[in-house]
């Protein structure tokens, strides 16, 4: 999970994920949205791939990236559960104990 949060820590990588949420894109199409060099963007893509957040499909010299949303969802659910939130199944929060019970 630490690789996922490392990947999400960078605003450029978060923007890549936002763009891929709309549709799969080639590396060149993604590069058109940034002023960074292609080498810098390639490093960002690598971090996202290593974290499992994006998939890369290489055909010839063209690489098309797509979002792996399930990996991101799983990481966010695990993170929420670390703090006692149970989002899987959307359980209602526990009800407060009515006054008068428990010695109050």
PDB file of N, CA and C in Angstrom:
ATOM      1  N   UNK A   1       0.819  -1.189   0.000  1.00  0.00           N
ATOM      2  CA  UNK A   1       0.000   0.000   0.000  1.00  0.00           C
ATOM      3  C   UNK A   1       0.867   1.260   0.000  1.00  0.00           C
ATOM      4  N   UNK A   2       2.075   1.187   0.548  1.00  0.00           N
ATOM      5  CA  UNK A   2       2.928   2.372   0.586  1.00  0.00           C
ATOM      6  C   UNK A   2       3.304   2.842  -0.818  1.00  0.00           C
ATOM      7  N   UNK A   3       3.458   1.889  -1.765  1.00  0.00           N
ATOM      8  CA  UNK A   3       3.762   2.283  -3.149  1.00  0.00           C
ATOM      9  C   UNK A   3       2.614   3.089  -3.752  1.00  0.00           C
ATOM     10  N   UNK A   4       1.391   2.719  -3.394  1.00  0.00           N
ATOM     11  CA  UNK A   4       0.224   3.436  -3.917  1.00  0.00           C
ATOM     12  C   UNK A   4       0.203   4.860  -3.397  1.00  0.00           C
ATOM     13  N   UNK A   5       0.436   5.020  -2.091  1.00  0.00           N
ATOM     14  CA  UNK A   5       0.402   6.373  -1.535  1.00  0.00           C
ATOM     15  C   UNK A   5       1.594   7.204  -1.988  1.00  0.00           C
ATOM     16  N   UNK A   6       2.730   6.562  -2.234  1.00  0.00           N
ATOM     17  CA  UNK A   6       3.874   7.277  -2.814  1.00  0.00           C
ATOM     18  C   UNK A   6       3.491   7.802  -4.196  1.00  0.00           C
ATOM     19  N   UNK A   7       2.816   6.952  -4.972  1.00  0.00           N
ATOM     20  CA  UNK A   7       2.402   7.352  -6.316  1.00  0.00           C
ATOM     21  C   UNK A   7       1.396   8.502  -6.260  1.00  0.00           C
ATOM     22  N   UNK A   8       0.490   8.453  -5.292  1.00  0.00           N
ATOM     23  CA  UNK A   8      -0.545   9.479  -5.181  1.00  0.00           C
ATOM     24  C   UNK A   8      -0.027  10.793  -4.596  1.00  0.00           C
ATOM     25  N   UNK A   9       1.158  10.771  -4.009  1.00  0.00           N
ATOM     26  CA  UNK A   9       1.704  11.962  -3.356  1.00  0.00           C
ATOM     27  C   UNK A   9       2.068  13.070  -4.343  1.00  0.00           C
ATOM     28  N   UNK A  10       2.286  12.715  -5.581  1.00  0.00           N
ATOM     29  CA  UNK A  10       2.734  13.698  -6.570  1.00  0.00           C
ATOM     30  C   UNK A  10       1.558  14.246  -7.378  1.00  0.00           C
ATOM     31  N   UNK A  11       1.441  15.582  -7.486  1.00  0.00           N
ATOM     32  CA  UNK A  11       0.311  16.163  -8.225  1.00  0.00           C
ATOM     33  C   UNK A  11       0.280  15.790  -9.709  1.00  0.00           C
ATOM     34  N   UNK A  12       1.439  15.613 -10.326  1.00  0.00           N
ATOM     35  CA  UNK A  12       1.461  15.224 -11.738  1.00  0.00           C
ATOM     36  C   UNK A  12       0.866  13.830 -11.903  1.00  0.00           C
ATOM     37  N   UNK A  13       1.243  12.917 -11.018  1.00  0.00           N
ATOM     38  CA  UNK A  13       0.705  11.557 -11.113  1.00  0.00           C
ATOM     39  C   UNK A  13      -0.793  11.533 -10.824  1.00  0.00           C
ATOM     40  N   UNK A  14      -1.244  12.361  -9.882  1.00  0.00           N
ATOM     41  CA  UNK A  14      -2.689  12.434  -9.629  1.00  0.00           C
ATOM     42  C   UNK A  14      -3.419  12.957 -10.861  1.00  0.00           C
ATOM     43  N   UNK A  15      -2.824  13.910 -11.565  1.00  0.00           N
ATOM     44  CA  UNK A  15      -3.446  14.454 -12.784  1.00  0.00           C
ATOM     45  C   UNK A  15      -3.488  13.386 -13.878  1.00  0.00           C
ATOM     46  N   UNK A  16      -2.447  12.583 -13.989  1.00  0.00           N
ATOM     47  CA  UNK A  16      -2.446  11.482 -14.961  1.00  0.00           C
ATOM     48  C   UNK A  16      -3.618  10.548 -14.673  1.00  0.00           C
ATOM     49  N   UNK A  17      -3.819  10.223 -13.406  1.00  0.00           N
ATOM     50  CA  UNK A  17      -4.931   9.344 -13.038  1.00  0.00           C
ATOM     51  C   UNK A  17      -6.274   9.983 -13.377  1.00  0.00           C
ATOM     52  N   UNK A  18      -6.398  11.284 -13.159  1.00  0.00           N
ATOM     53  CA  UNK A  18      -7.640  11.979 -13.516  1.00  0.00           C
ATOM     54  C   UNK A  18      -7.897  11.900 -15.016  1.00  0.00           C
ATOM     55  N   UNK A  19      -6.861  12.098 -15.806  1.00  0.00           N
ATOM     56  CA  UNK A  19      -7.008  12.028 -17.260  1.00  0.00           C
ATOM     57  C   UNK A  19      -7.392  10.624 -17.707  1.00  0.00           C
ATOM     58  N   UNK A  20      -6.769   9.619 -17.097  1.00  0.00           N
ATOM     59  CA  UNK A  20      -7.059   8.236 -17.479  1.00  0.00           C
ATOM     60  C   UNK A  20      -8.422   7.791 -16.986  1.00  0.00           C
ATOM     61  N   UNK A  21      -8.966   8.495 -16.030  1.00  0.00           N
ATOM     62  CA  UNK A  21     -10.321   8.174 -15.573  1.00  0.00           C
ATOM     63  C   UNK A  21     -11.328   8.439 -16.687  1.00  0.00           C
ATOM     64  N   UNK A  22     -11.028   9.427 -17.516  1.00  0.00           N
ATOM     65  CA  UNK A  22     -11.915   9.764 -18.637  1.00  0.00           C
ATOM     66  C   UNK A  22     -11.844   8.710 -19.740  1.00  0.00           C
ATOM     67  N   UNK A  23     -10.602   8.254 -20.051  1.00  0.00           N
ATOM     68  CA  UNK A  23     -10.402   7.260 -21.103  1.00  0.00           C
ATOM     69  C   UNK A  23      -8.943   6.837 -21.128  1.00  0.00           C
ATOM     70  N   UNK A  24      -8.679   5.699 -21.751  1.00  0.00           N
ATOM     71  CA  UNK A  24      -7.293   5.264 -21.950  1.00  0.00           C
ATOM     72  C   UNK A  24      -6.622   6.232 -22.922  1.00  0.00           C
ATOM     73  N   UNK A  25      -5.325   6.450 -22.737  1.00  0.00           N
ATOM     74  CA  UNK A  25      -4.588   7.384 -23.593  1.00  0.00           C
ATOM     75  C   UNK A  25      -3.191   6.852 -23.870  1.00  0.00           C
ATOM     76  N   UNK A  26      -2.668   7.254 -25.005  1.00  0.00           N
ATOM     77  CA  UNK A  26      -1.284   6.926 -25.325  1.00  0.00           C
ATOM     78  C   UNK A  26      -0.376   7.851 -24.523  1.00  0.00           C
ATOM     79  N   UNK A  27       0.883   7.475 -24.441  1.00  0.00           N
ATOM     80  CA  UNK A  27       1.861   8.303 -23.738  1.00  0.00           C
ATOM     81  C   UNK A  27       1.923   9.697 -24.361  1.00  0.00           C
ATOM     82  N   UNK A  28       1.842   9.766 -25.668  1.00  0.00           N
ATOM     83  CA  UNK A  28       1.872  11.061 -26.360  1.00  0.00           C
ATOM     84  C   UNK A  28       0.660  11.920 -26.041  1.00  0.00           C
ATOM     85  N   UNK A  29      -0.514  11.303 -25.979  1.00  0.00           N
ATOM     86  CA  UNK A  29      -1.731  12.050 -25.636  1.00  0.00           C
ATOM     87  C   UNK A  29      -1.641  12.600 -24.216  1.00  0.00           C
ATOM     88  N   UNK A  30      -1.115  11.791 -23.315  1.00  0.00           N
ATOM     89  CA  UNK A  30      -0.938  12.263 -21.946  1.00  0.00           C
ATOM     90  C   UNK A  30       0.080  13.391 -21.888  1.00  0.00           C
ATOM     91  N   UNK A  31       1.169  13.246 -22.629  1.00  0.00           N
ATOM     92  CA  UNK A  31       2.225  14.256 -22.628  1.00  0.00           C
ATOM     93  C   UNK A  31       1.716  15.615 -23.098  1.00  0.00           C
ATOM     94  N   UNK A  32       0.711  15.613 -23.958  1.00  0.00           N
ATOM     95  CA  UNK A  32       0.146  16.877 -24.452  1.00  0.00           C
ATOM     96  C   UNK A  32      -0.476  17.714 -23.340  1.00  0.00           C
ATOM     97  N   UNK A  33      -0.773  17.107 -22.207  1.00  0.00           N
ATOM     98  CA  UNK A  33      -1.410  17.809 -21.087  1.00  0.00           C
ATOM     99  C   UNK A  33      -0.403  18.388 -20.090  1.00  0.00           C
ATOM    100  N   UNK A  34       0.885  18.162 -20.333  1.00  0.00           N
ATOM    101  CA  UNK A  34       1.917  18.575 -19.379  1.00  0.00           C
ATOM    102  C   UNK A  34       3.046  19.317 -20.080  1.00  0.00           C
ATOM    103  N   UNK A  35       3.726  20.154 -19.306  1.00  0.00           N
ATOM    104  CA  UNK A  35       4.894  20.858 -19.855  1.00  0.00           C
ATOM    105  C   UNK A  35       6.191  20.118 -19.528  1.00  0.00           C
ATOM    106  N   UNK A  36       6.102  19.030 -18.791  1.00  0.00           N
ATOM    107  CA  UNK A  36       7.277  18.238 -18.409  1.00  0.00           C
ATOM    108  C   UNK A  36       7.866  17.524 -19.616  1.00  0.00           C
ATOM    109  N   UNK A  37       9.139  17.157 -19.505  1.00  0.00           N
ATOM    110  CA  UNK A  37       9.782  16.411 -20.582  1.00  0.00           C
ATOM    111  C   UNK A  37       9.199  14.999 -20.638  1.00  0.00           C
ATOM    112  N   UNK A  38       9.375  14.360 -21.784  1.00  0.00           N
ATOM    113  CA  UNK A  38       8.874  12.990 -21.936  1.00  0.00           C
ATOM    114  C   UNK A  38       9.597  12.038 -20.990  1.00  0.00           C
ATOM    115  N   UNK A  39      10.864  12.299 -20.709  1.00  0.00           N
ATOM    116  CA  UNK A  39      11.612  11.449 -19.773  1.00  0.00           C
ATOM    117  C   UNK A  39      11.035  11.573 -18.365  1.00  0.00           C
ATOM    118  N   UNK A  40      10.682  12.784 -17.964  1.00  0.00           N
ATOM    119  CA  UNK A  40      10.089  13.002 -16.643  1.00  0.00           C
ATOM    120  C   UNK A  40       8.736  12.306 -16.555  1.00  0.00           C
ATOM    121  N   UNK A  41       7.923  12.450 -17.599  1.00  0.00           N
ATOM    122  CA  UNK A  41       6.617  11.802 -17.609  1.00  0.00           C
ATOM    123  C   UNK A  41       6.760  10.283 -17.604  1.00  0.00           C
ATOM    124  N   UNK A  42       7.738   9.771 -18.320  1.00  0.00           N
ATOM    125  CA  UNK A  42       7.980   8.338 -18.347  1.00  0.00           C
ATOM    126  C   UNK A  42       8.283   7.829 -16.937  1.00  0.00           C
ATOM    127  N   UNK A  43       9.029   8.603 -16.162  1.00  0.00           N
ATOM    128  CA  UNK A  43       9.328   8.225 -14.778  1.00  0.00           C
ATOM    129  C   UNK A  43       8.044   8.208 -13.943  1.00  0.00           C
ATOM    130  N   UNK A  44       7.163   9.184 -14.163  1.00  0.00           N
ATOM    131  CA  UNK A  44       5.878   9.201 -13.461  1.00  0.00           C
ATOM    132  C   UNK A  44       5.039   7.981 -13.838  1.00  0.00           C
ATOM    133  N   UNK A  45       5.004   7.648 -15.120  1.00  0.00           N
ATOM    134  CA  UNK A  45       4.245   6.479 -15.574  1.00  0.00           C
ATOM    135  C   UNK A  45       4.790   5.211 -14.921  1.00  0.00           C
ATOM    136  N   UNK A  46       6.098   5.139 -14.794  1.00  0.00           N
ATOM    137  CA  UNK A  46       6.735   3.973 -14.188  1.00  0.00           C
ATOM    138  C   UNK A  46       6.310   3.811 -12.730  1.00  0.00           C
ATOM    139  N   UNK A  47       6.286   4.906 -11.980  1.00  0.00           N
ATOM    140  CA  UNK A  47       5.856   4.852 -10.577  1.00  0.00           C
ATOM    141  C   UNK A  47       4.404   4.388 -10.487  1.00  0.00           C
ATOM    142  N   UNK A  48       3.558   4.906 -11.360  1.00  0.00           N
ATOM    143  CA  UNK A  48       2.143   4.521 -11.370  1.00  0.00           C
ATOM    144  C   UNK A  48       1.964   3.051 -11.739  1.00  0.00           C
ATOM    145  N   UNK A  49       2.775   2.570 -12.704  1.00  0.00           N
ATOM    146  CA  UNK A  49       2.717   1.151 -13.093  1.00  0.00           C
ATOM    147  C   UNK A  49       3.171   0.259 -11.947  1.00  0.00           C
ATOM    148  N   UNK A  50       4.278   0.620 -11.305  1.00  0.00           N
ATOM    149  CA  UNK A  50       4.816  -0.181 -10.205  1.00  0.00           C
ATOM    150  C   UNK A  50       3.837  -0.262  -9.038  1.00  0.00           C
ATOM    151  N   UNK A  51       3.044   0.793  -8.847  1.00  0.00           N
ATOM    152  CA  UNK A  51       2.039   0.802  -7.784  1.00  0.00           C
ATOM    153  C   UNK A  51       0.786   0.037  -8.201  1.00  0.00           C
ATOM    154  N   UNK A  52       0.709  -0.348  -9.459  1.00  0.00           N
ATOM    155  CA  UNK A  52      -0.438  -1.099  -9.958  1.00  0.00           C
ATOM    156  C   UNK A  52      -1.633  -0.228 -10.289  1.00  0.00           C
ATOM    157  N   UNK A  53      -1.439   1.091 -10.327  1.00  0.00           N
ATOM    158  CA  UNK A  53      -2.553   2.011 -10.568  1.00  0.00           C
ATOM    159  C   UNK A  53      -2.896   2.165 -12.044  1.00  0.00           C
ATOM    160  N   UNK A  54      -1.929   1.897 -12.914  1.00  0.00           N
ATOM    161  CA  UNK A  54      -2.199   1.963 -14.347  1.00  0.00           C
ATOM    162  C   UNK A  54      -1.641   0.710 -15.016  1.00  0.00           C
ATOM    163  N   UNK A  55      -2.223   0.398 -16.153  1.00  0.00           N
ATOM    164  CA  UNK A  55      -1.738  -0.704 -16.979  1.00  0.00           C
ATOM    165  C   UNK A  55      -1.205  -0.107 -18.274  1.00  0.00           C
ATOM    166  N   UNK A  56      -0.176  -0.722 -18.816  1.00  0.00           N
ATOM    167  CA  UNK A  56       0.428  -0.257 -20.060  1.00  0.00           C
ATOM    168  C   UNK A  56       0.296  -1.346 -21.116  1.00  0.00           C
ATOM    169  N   UNK A  57      -0.235  -0.959 -22.270  1.00  0.00           N
ATOM    170  CA  UNK A  57      -0.386  -1.883 -23.390  1.00  0.00           C
ATOM    171  C   UNK A  57       0.500  -1.372 -24.525  1.00  0.00           C
ATOM    172  N   UNK A  58       1.591  -2.096 -24.798  1.00  0.00           N
ATOM    173  CA  UNK A  58       2.533  -1.666 -25.839  1.00  0.00           C
ATOM    174  C   UNK A  58       2.225  -2.391 -27.136  1.00  0.00           C
ATOM    175  N   UNK A  59       2.003  -1.608 -28.181  1.00  0.00           N
ATOM    176  CA  UNK A  59       1.788  -2.143 -29.527  1.00  0.00           C
ATOM    177  C   UNK A  59       2.730  -1.395 -30.465  1.00  0.00           C
ATOM    178  N   UNK A  60       3.737  -2.110 -30.910  1.00  0.00           N
ATOM    179  CA  UNK A  60       4.767  -1.458 -31.716  1.00  0.00           C
ATOM    180  C   UNK A  60       5.526  -0.468 -30.852  1.00  0.00           C
ATOM    181  N   UNK A  61       5.545   0.797 -31.273  1.00  0.00           N
ATOM    182  CA  UNK A  61       6.234   1.829 -30.495  1.00  0.00           C
ATOM    183  C   UNK A  61       5.250   2.655 -29.658  1.00  0.00           C
ATOM    184  N   UNK A  62       3.977   2.309 -29.714  1.00  0.00           N
ATOM    185  CA  UNK A  62       2.950   3.068 -28.999  1.00  0.00           C
ATOM    186  C   UNK A  62       2.568   2.361 -27.710  1.00  0.00           C
ATOM    187  N   UNK A  63       2.574   3.110 -26.614  1.00  0.00           N
ATOM    188  CA  UNK A  63       2.134   2.592 -25.317  1.00  0.00           C
ATOM    189  C   UNK A  63       0.835   3.300 -24.953  1.00  0.00           C
ATOM    190  N   UNK A  64      -0.186   2.505 -24.682  1.00  0.00           N
ATOM    191  CA  UNK A  64      -1.467   3.051 -24.249  1.00  0.00           C
ATOM    192  C   UNK A  64      -1.648   2.712 -22.782  1.00  0.00           C
ATOM    193  N   UNK A  65      -1.946   3.744 -22.000  1.00  0.00           N
ATOM    194  CA  UNK A  65      -2.129   3.573 -20.564  1.00  0.00           C
ATOM    195  C   UNK A  65      -3.612   3.585 -20.223  1.00  0.00           C
ATOM    196  N   UNK A  66      -3.972   2.766 -19.234  1.00  0.00           N
ATOM    197  CA  UNK A  66      -5.348   2.756 -18.746  1.00  0.00           C
ATOM    198  C   UNK A  66      -5.329   2.675 -17.221  1.00  0.00           C
ATOM    199  N   UNK A  67      -6.370   3.199 -16.624  1.00  0.00           N
ATOM    200  CA  UNK A  67      -6.499   3.247 -15.175  1.00  0.00           C
ATOM    201  C   UNK A  67      -6.945   1.891 -14.646  1.00  0.00           C
ATOM    202  N   UNK A  68      -6.333   1.457 -13.572  1.00  0.00           N
ATOM    203  CA  UNK A  68      -6.743   0.229 -12.875  1.00  0.00           C
ATOM    204  C   UNK A  68      -7.450   0.672 -11.599  1.00  0.00           C
ATOM    205  N   UNK A  69      -8.674   1.085 -11.750  1.00  0.00           N
ATOM    206  CA  UNK A  69      -9.440   1.686 -10.669  1.00  0.00           C
ATOM    207  C   UNK A  69      -9.609   0.748  -9.484  1.00  0.00           C
ATOM    208  N   UNK A  70      -9.739  -0.547  -9.728  1.00  0.00           N
ATOM    209  CA  UNK A  70      -9.952  -1.480  -8.623  1.00  0.00           C
ATOM    210  C   UNK A  70      -8.788  -1.461  -7.636  1.00  0.00           C
ATOM    211  N   UNK A  71      -7.580  -1.267  -8.097  1.00  0.00           N
ATOM    212  CA  UNK A  71      -6.412  -1.204  -7.213  1.00  0.00           C
ATOM    213  C   UNK A  71      -6.516   0.021  -6.315  1.00  0.00           C
ATOM    214  N   UNK A  72      -6.900   1.145  -6.898  1.00  0.00           N
ATOM    215  CA  UNK A  72      -7.054   2.377  -6.127  1.00  0.00           C
ATOM    216  C   UNK A  72      -8.184   2.237  -5.112  1.00  0.00           C
ATOM    217  N   UNK A  73      -9.293   1.658  -5.527  1.00  0.00           N
ATOM    218  CA  UNK A  73     -10.422   1.462  -4.613  1.00  0.00           C
ATOM    219  C   UNK A  73     -10.019   0.570  -3.443  1.00  0.00           C
ATOM    220  N   UNK A  74      -9.325  -0.524  -3.722  1.00  0.00           N
ATOM    221  CA  UNK A  74      -8.888  -1.433  -2.662  1.00  0.00           C
ATOM    222  C   UNK A  74      -7.964  -0.729  -1.670  1.00  0.00           C
ATOM    223  N   UNK A  75      -7.050   0.094  -2.178  1.00  0.00           N
ATOM    224  CA  UNK A  75      -6.122   0.808  -1.300  1.00  0.00           C
ATOM    225  C   UNK A  75      -6.864   1.811  -0.421  1.00  0.00           C
ATOM    226  N   UNK A  76      -7.810   2.524  -1.008  1.00  0.00           N
ATOM    227  CA  UNK A  76      -8.559   3.502  -0.224  1.00  0.00           C
ATOM    228  C   UNK A  76      -9.425   2.828   0.832  1.00  0.00           C
ATOM    229  N   UNK A  77     -10.017   1.688   0.501  1.00  0.00           N
ATOM    230  CA  UNK A  77     -10.803   0.937   1.486  1.00  0.00           C
ATOM    231  C   UNK A  77      -9.916   0.453   2.633  1.00  0.00           C
ATOM    232  N   UNK A  78      -8.755  -0.079   2.306  1.00  0.00           N
ATOM    233  CA  UNK A  78      -7.831  -0.551   3.341  1.00  0.00           C
ATOM    234  C   UNK A  78      -7.376   0.598   4.226  1.00  0.00           C
ATOM    235  N   UNK A  79      -7.118   1.749   3.616  1.00  0.00           N
ATOM    236  CA  UNK A  79      -6.691   2.925   4.372  1.00  0.00           C
ATOM    237  C   UNK A  79      -7.802   3.370   5.320  1.00  0.00           C
ATOM    238  N   UNK A  80      -9.037   3.405   4.829  1.00  0.00           N
ATOM    239  CA  UNK A  80     -10.172   3.812   5.657  1.00  0.00           C
ATOM    240  C   UNK A  80     -10.361   2.836   6.819  1.00  0.00           C
ATOM    241  N   UNK A  81     -10.206   1.552   6.549  1.00  0.00           N
ATOM    242  CA  UNK A  81     -10.378   0.550   7.602  1.00  0.00           C
ATOM    243  C   UNK A  81      -9.300   0.662   8.666  1.00  0.00           C
ATOM    244  N   UNK A  82      -8.122   1.162   8.296  1.00  0.00           N
ATOM    245  CA  UNK A  82      -7.058   1.390   9.266  1.00  0.00           C
ATOM    246  C   UNK A  82      -7.520   2.343  10.365  1.00  0.00           C
ATOM    247  N   UNK A  83      -8.388   3.253  10.001  1.00  0.00           N
ATOM    248  CA  UNK A  83      -8.890   4.243  10.954  1.00  0.00           C
ATOM    249  C   UNK A  83     -10.282   3.904  11.475  1.00  0.00           C
ATOM    250  N   UNK A  84     -10.701   2.666  11.273  1.00  0.00           N
ATOM    251  CA  UNK A  84     -11.957   2.211  11.839  1.00  0.00           C
ATOM    252  C   UNK A  84     -13.184   2.465  10.991  1.00  0.00           C
ATOM    253  N   UNK A  85     -13.006   2.920   9.758  1.00  0.00           N
ATOM    254  CA  UNK A  85     -14.146   3.128   8.867  1.00  0.00           C
ATOM    255  C   UNK A  85     -14.378   1.859   8.066  1.00  0.00           C
ATOM    256  N   UNK A  86     -15.591   1.395   8.018  1.00  0.00           N
ATOM    257  CA  UNK A  86     -15.918   0.219   7.223  1.00  0.00           C
ATOM    258  C   UNK A  86     -16.762   0.673   6.048  1.00  0.00           C
ATOM    259  N   UNK A  87     -16.146   0.833   4.900  1.00  0.00           N
ATOM    260  CA  UNK A  87     -16.840   1.321   3.719  1.00  0.00           C
ATOM    261  C   UNK A  87     -17.356   0.190   2.846  1.00  0.00           C
ATOM    262  N   UNK A  88     -16.799  -0.997   2.981  1.00  0.00           N
ATOM    263  CA  UNK A  88     -17.246  -2.134   2.176  1.00  0.00           C
ATOM    264  C   UNK A  88     -18.596  -2.588   2.712  1.00  0.00           C
ATOM    265  N   UNK A  89     -19.626  -2.354   1.996  1.00  0.00           N
ATOM    266  CA  UNK A  89     -20.958  -2.703   2.453  1.00  0.00           C
ATOM    267  C   UNK A  89     -21.701  -1.509   3.020  1.00  0.00           C
ATOM    268  N   UNK A  90     -21.043  -0.379   3.094  1.00  0.00           N
ATOM    269  CA  UNK A  90     -21.637   0.890   3.537  1.00  0.00           C
ATOM    270  C   UNK A  90     -22.457   0.733   4.808  1.00  0.00           C
ATOM    271  N   UNK A  91     -21.815   0.217   5.841  1.00  0.00           N
ATOM    272  CA  UNK A  91     -22.499   0.061   7.113  1.00  0.00           C
ATOM    273  C   UNK A  91     -22.733   1.428   7.753  1.00  0.00           C
ATOM    274  N   UNK A  92     -23.833   1.548   8.433  1.00  0.00           N
ATOM    275  CA  UNK A  92     -24.137   2.788   9.143  1.00  0.00           C
ATOM    276  C   UNK A  92     -23.226   2.901  10.354  1.00  0.00           C
ATOM    277  N   UNK A  93     -22.878   4.125  10.742  1.00  0.00           N
ATOM    278  CA  UNK A  93     -22.031   4.293  11.928  1.00  0.00           C
ATOM    279  C   UNK A  93     -22.778   3.809  13.167  1.00  0.00           C
ATOM    280  N   UNK A  94     -22.055   3.363  14.207  1.00  0.00           N
ATOM    281  CA  UNK A  94     -22.717   2.887  15.407  1.00  0.00           C
ATOM    282  C   UNK A  94     -23.533   4.004  16.051  1.00  0.00           C
ATOM    283  N   UNK A  95     -24.674   3.627  16.579  1.00  0.00           N
ATOM    284  CA  UNK A  95     -25.540   4.617  17.226  1.00  0.00           C
ATOM    285  C   UNK A  95     -24.995   4.960  18.586  1.00  0.00           C
ATOM    286  N   UNK A  96     -25.201   6.196  18.982  1.00  0.00           N
ATOM    287  CA  UNK A  96     -24.783   6.643  20.303  1.00  0.00           C
ATOM    288  C   UNK A  96     -25.634   5.965  21.357  1.00  0.00           C
ATOM    289  N   UNK A  97     -25.034   5.707  22.505  1.00  0.00           N
ATOM    290  CA  UNK A  97     -25.774   5.100  23.607  1.00  0.00           C
ATOM    291  C   UNK A  97     -26.741   6.147  24.168  1.00  0.00           C
ATOM    292  N   UNK A  98     -28.027   5.815  24.286  1.00  0.00           N
ATOM    293  CA  UNK A  98     -28.968   6.786  24.831  1.00  0.00           C
ATOM    294  C   UNK A  98     -28.601   7.140  26.263  1.00  0.00           C
ATOM    295  N   UNK A  99     -28.832   8.379  26.645  1.00  0.00           N
ATOM    296  CA  UNK A  99     -28.524   8.771  28.019  1.00  0.00           C
ATOM    297  C   UNK A  99     -29.410   7.977  28.961  1.00  0.00           C
ATOM    298  N   UNK A 100     -28.873   7.628  30.094  1.00  0.00           N
ATOM    299  CA  UNK A 100     -29.587   6.802  31.029  1.00  0.00           C
ATOM    300  C   UNK A 100     -29.075   5.382  31.010  1.00  0.00           C
ATOM    301  N   UNK A 101     -28.440   4.953  29.899  1.00  0.00           N
ATOM    302  CA  UNK A 101     -27.838   3.616  29.845  1.00  0.00           C
ATOM    303  C   UNK A 101     -26.365   3.762  30.166  1.00  0.00           C
ATOM    304  N   UNK A 102     -25.786   2.738  30.707  1.00  0.00           N
ATOM    305  CA  UNK A 102     -24.347   2.752  30.971  1.00  0.00           C
ATOM    306  C   UNK A 102     -23.979   3.645  32.143  1.00  0.00           C
ATOM    307  N   UNK A 103     -24.934   3.954  33.037  1.00  0.00           N
ATOM    308  CA  UNK A 103     -24.612   4.714  34.238  1.00  0.00           C
ATOM    309  C   UNK A 103     -24.630   6.204  34.034  1.00  0.00           C
ATOM    310  N   UNK A 104     -25.189   6.694  32.951  1.00  0.00           N
ATOM    311  CA  UNK A 104     -25.219   8.141  32.735  1.00  0.00           C
ATOM    312  C   UNK A 104     -26.521   8.720  33.121  1.00  0.00           C
TER     313      UNK A 104
END
